[in-house]
C-alpha atoms as a PDB file:
ATOM      1  CA  MET A   1     -26.457  13.824  44.376  1.00  0.00           C
ATOM      2  CA  SER A   2     -28.010  13.410  41.190  1.00  0.00           C
ATOM      3  CA  ALA A   3     -28.918  10.697  39.064  1.00  0.00           C
ATOM      4  CA  PRO A   4     -26.028  10.035  36.768  1.00  0.00           C
ATOM      5  CA  VAL A   5     -26.610  11.140  33.139  1.00  0.00           C
ATOM      6  CA  GLN A   6     -27.262   9.097  30.188  1.00  0.00           C
ATOM      7  CA  THR A   7     -26.813  10.105  26.682  1.00  0.00           C
ATOM      8  CA  ALA A   8     -27.914   8.183  23.800  1.00  0.00           C
ATOM      9  CA  ARG A   9     -25.093   7.524  21.786  1.00  0.00           C
ATOM     10  CA  ALA A  10     -25.745   6.540  18.110  1.00  0.00           C
ATOM     11  CA  PRO A  11     -24.522   3.425  16.749  1.00  0.00           C
ATOM     12  CA  ARG A  12     -21.115   3.052  15.106  1.00  0.00           C
ATOM     13  CA  GLN A  13     -21.270   2.201  11.362  1.00  0.00           C
ATOM     14  CA  ARG A  14     -18.736  -0.271  10.546  1.00  0.00           C
ATOM     15  CA  GLN A  15     -16.548   1.553   8.144  1.00  0.00           C
ATOM     16  CA  ASP A  16     -17.278  -1.234   5.151  1.00  0.00           C
ATOM     17  CA  ALA A  17     -20.885  -0.629   5.395  1.00  0.00           C
ATOM     18  CA  GLY A  18     -22.816   1.311   2.676  1.00  0.00           C
ATOM     19  CA  LEU A  19     -23.538   0.855  -0.588  1.00  0.00           C
ATOM     20  CA  LEU A  20     -20.664   3.130  -2.254  1.00  0.00           C
ATOM     21  CA  MET A  21     -17.134   2.265  -1.954  1.00  0.00           C
ATOM     22  CA  THR A  22     -14.160   4.554  -2.202  1.00  0.00           C
ATOM     23  CA  VAL A  23     -10.900   3.518  -4.083  1.00  0.00           C
ATOM     24  CA  GLU A  24      -9.189   2.776  -1.089  1.00  0.00           C
ATOM     25  CA  GLN A  25     -11.690   0.520   0.071  1.00  0.00           C
ATOM     26  CA  ILE A  26     -11.820  -1.513  -3.078  1.00  0.00           C
ATOM     27  CA  ALA A  27      -8.366  -1.822  -3.185  1.00  0.00           C
ATOM     28  CA  VAL A  28      -7.912  -3.745   0.207  1.00  0.00           C
ATOM     29  CA  LEU A  29     -10.789  -5.449  -1.043  1.00  0.00           C
ATOM     30  CA  TRP A  30      -9.258  -6.836  -4.496  1.00  0.00           C
ATOM     31  CA  PHE A  31      -5.673  -6.565  -3.539  1.00  0.00           C
ATOM     32  CA  GLY A  32      -5.928  -7.501   0.219  1.00  0.00           C
ATOM     33  CA  GLU A  33      -3.790  -5.411   2.886  1.00  0.00           C
ATOM     34  CA  VAL A  34      -0.647  -3.219   1.715  1.00  0.00           C
ATOM     35  CA  GLY A  35       2.412  -5.086   1.556  1.00  0.00           C
ATOM     36  CA  GLU A  36       3.525  -8.045  -0.498  1.00  0.00           C
ATOM     37  CA  ASN A  37       0.413  -7.109  -2.531  1.00  0.00           C
ATOM     38  CA  GLY A  38       1.872  -3.883  -3.901  1.00  0.00           C
ATOM     39  CA  SER A  39       2.001  -0.186  -2.322  1.00  0.00           C
ATOM     40  CA  ALA A  40      -2.072   1.276  -1.569  1.00  0.00           C
ATOM     41  CA  SER A  41      -0.677   4.051  -4.524  1.00  0.00           C
ATOM     42  CA  SER A  42      -0.396   1.703  -6.967  1.00  0.00           C
ATOM     43  CA  ASN A  43      -3.374  -0.551  -6.108  1.00  0.00           C
ATOM     44  CA  CYS A  44      -5.490   2.124  -6.004  1.00  0.00           C
ATOM     45  CA  GLN A  45      -3.827   3.872  -9.254  1.00  0.00           C
ATOM     46  CA  LYS A  46      -4.963   0.250 -10.796  1.00  0.00           C
ATOM     47  CA  ILE A  47      -8.337   0.447  -9.939  1.00  0.00           C
ATOM     48  CA  ARG A  48      -8.506   4.391 -11.317  1.00  0.00           C
ATOM     49  CA  ARG A  49      -7.271   3.321 -15.010  1.00  0.00           C
ATOM     50  CA  LEU A  50     -10.418   1.091 -15.420  1.00  0.00           C
ATOM     51  CA  ILE A  51     -12.847   3.942 -13.889  1.00  0.00           C
ATOM     52  CA  PRO A  52     -15.300   4.854 -15.749  1.00  0.00           C
ATOM     53  CA  GLU A  53     -14.952   2.553 -18.980  1.00  0.00           C
ATOM     54  CA  ILE A  54     -14.526  -0.851 -17.412  1.00  0.00           C
ATOM     55  CA  LEU A  55     -15.478  -0.094 -14.175  1.00  0.00           C
ATOM     56  CA  PRO A  56     -18.725   2.115 -13.531  1.00  0.00           C
ATOM     57  CA  ALA A  57     -18.173   4.561 -10.745  1.00  0.00           C
ATOM     58  CA  ARG A  58     -19.558   8.091  -9.561  1.00  0.00           C
ATOM     59  CA  ARG A  59     -17.324  10.924  -8.586  1.00  0.00           C
ATOM     60  CA  ILE A  60     -18.643  12.644  -5.420  1.00  0.00           C
ATOM     61  CA  GLY A  61     -16.659  15.805  -4.651  1.00  0.00           C
ATOM     62  CA  ASN A  62     -13.058  14.597  -5.375  1.00  0.00           C
ATOM     63  CA  ARG A  63     -13.135  11.047  -4.861  1.00  0.00           C
ATOM     64  CA  TRP A  64     -14.161   8.177  -6.801  1.00  0.00           C
ATOM     65  CA  TYR A  65     -17.042   5.704  -5.388  1.00  0.00           C
ATOM     66  CA  VAL A  66     -18.013   2.366  -6.938  1.00  0.00           C
ATOM     67  CA  SER A  67     -21.506   0.293  -5.981  1.00  0.00           C
ATOM     68  CA  ARG A  68     -20.406  -2.315  -3.495  1.00  0.00           C
ATOM     69  CA  ALA A  69     -22.479  -4.904  -5.568  1.00  0.00           C
ATOM     70  CA  VAL A  70     -19.999  -4.407  -8.503  1.00  0.00           C
ATOM     71  CA  ALA A  71     -16.759  -4.611  -6.312  1.00  0.00           C
ATOM     72  CA  GLU A  72     -17.702  -7.695  -5.146  1.00  0.00           C
ATOM     73  CA  ASP A  73     -18.972  -9.150  -7.977  1.00  0.00           C
ATOM     74  CA  TRP A  74     -15.402  -7.870  -9.586  1.00  0.00           C
ATOM     75  CA  ALA A  75     -13.415  -9.558  -6.544  1.00  0.00           C
ATOM     76  CA  THR A  76     -15.366 -12.743  -6.897  1.00  0.00           C
ATOM     77  CA  GLY A  77     -15.579 -13.418 -10.923  1.00  0.00           C
ATOM     78  CA  SER A  78     -11.457 -12.590 -11.067  1.00  0.00           C
ATOM     79  CA  ASP A  79      -8.948 -14.451 -12.191  1.00  0.00           C
ATOM     80  CA  PRO A  80      -5.617 -15.428  -9.728  1.00  0.00           C
ATOM     81  CA  ALA A  81      -2.759 -13.315 -10.557  1.00  0.00           C
ATOM     82  CA  SER A  82      -1.048 -16.534 -11.351  1.00  0.00           C
ATOM     83  CA  VAL A  83      -2.775 -16.346 -14.831  1.00  0.00           C
ATOM     84  CA  MET A  84      -0.419 -13.696 -15.796  1.00  0.00           C
ATOM     85  CA  ALA A  85       2.596 -15.265 -14.747  1.00  0.00           C
ATOM     86  CA  HIS A  86       4.759 -16.340 -17.373  1.00  0.00           C
ATOM     87  CA  PRO A  87       4.287 -19.902 -17.983  1.00  0.00           C
ATOM     88  CA  GLU A  88       7.709 -21.351 -16.834  1.00  0.00           C
ATOM     89  CA  THR A  89       6.924 -19.423 -13.860  1.00  0.00           C
ATOM     90  CA  ARG A  90       3.710 -21.315 -13.249  1.00  0.00           C
ATOM     91  CA  ARG A  91       4.996 -24.355 -14.056  1.00  0.00           C
ATOM     92  CA  ALA A  92       7.822 -23.972 -11.435  1.00  0.00           C
ATOM     93  CA  ALA A  93       5.201 -22.714  -8.678  1.00  0.00           C
ATOM     94  CA  HIS A  94       2.970 -25.919  -9.191  1.00  0.00           C
ATOM     95  CA  GLN A  95       6.107 -28.052  -8.815  1.00  0.00           C
ATOM     96  CA  ARG A  96       6.723 -25.989  -5.372  1.00  0.00           C
ATOM     97  CA  THR A  97       3.142 -26.685  -4.342  1.00  0.00           C
ATOM     98  CA  GLY A  98       3.037 -30.198  -5.235  1.00  0.00           C
ATOM     99  CA  GLU A  99       0.728 -29.429  -7.615  1.00  0.00           C
ATOM    100  CA  GLU A 100       0.625 -31.333 -11.294  1.00  0.00           C
END
């Protein structure tokens, strides 16, 4: 009987690790999972409209990549979606949540 074979496995990289993010990864970061926050296609298209004039990105092959630091800065410094709502809609939302 021989000893069991041990194979060295490379550690699995997390999908969200790395210095660059794809447009699809940024869409999840900025808009959350697909569903009530829009479709994956429309969310990605919103991001592509920002490239390259507003959002610095690099095209590698047929995909756009953005620096993780830049994408995360945009996410933390962004305004809530409610700022684009009509003032009456904002007022109604504040009344529903009990905010003044």
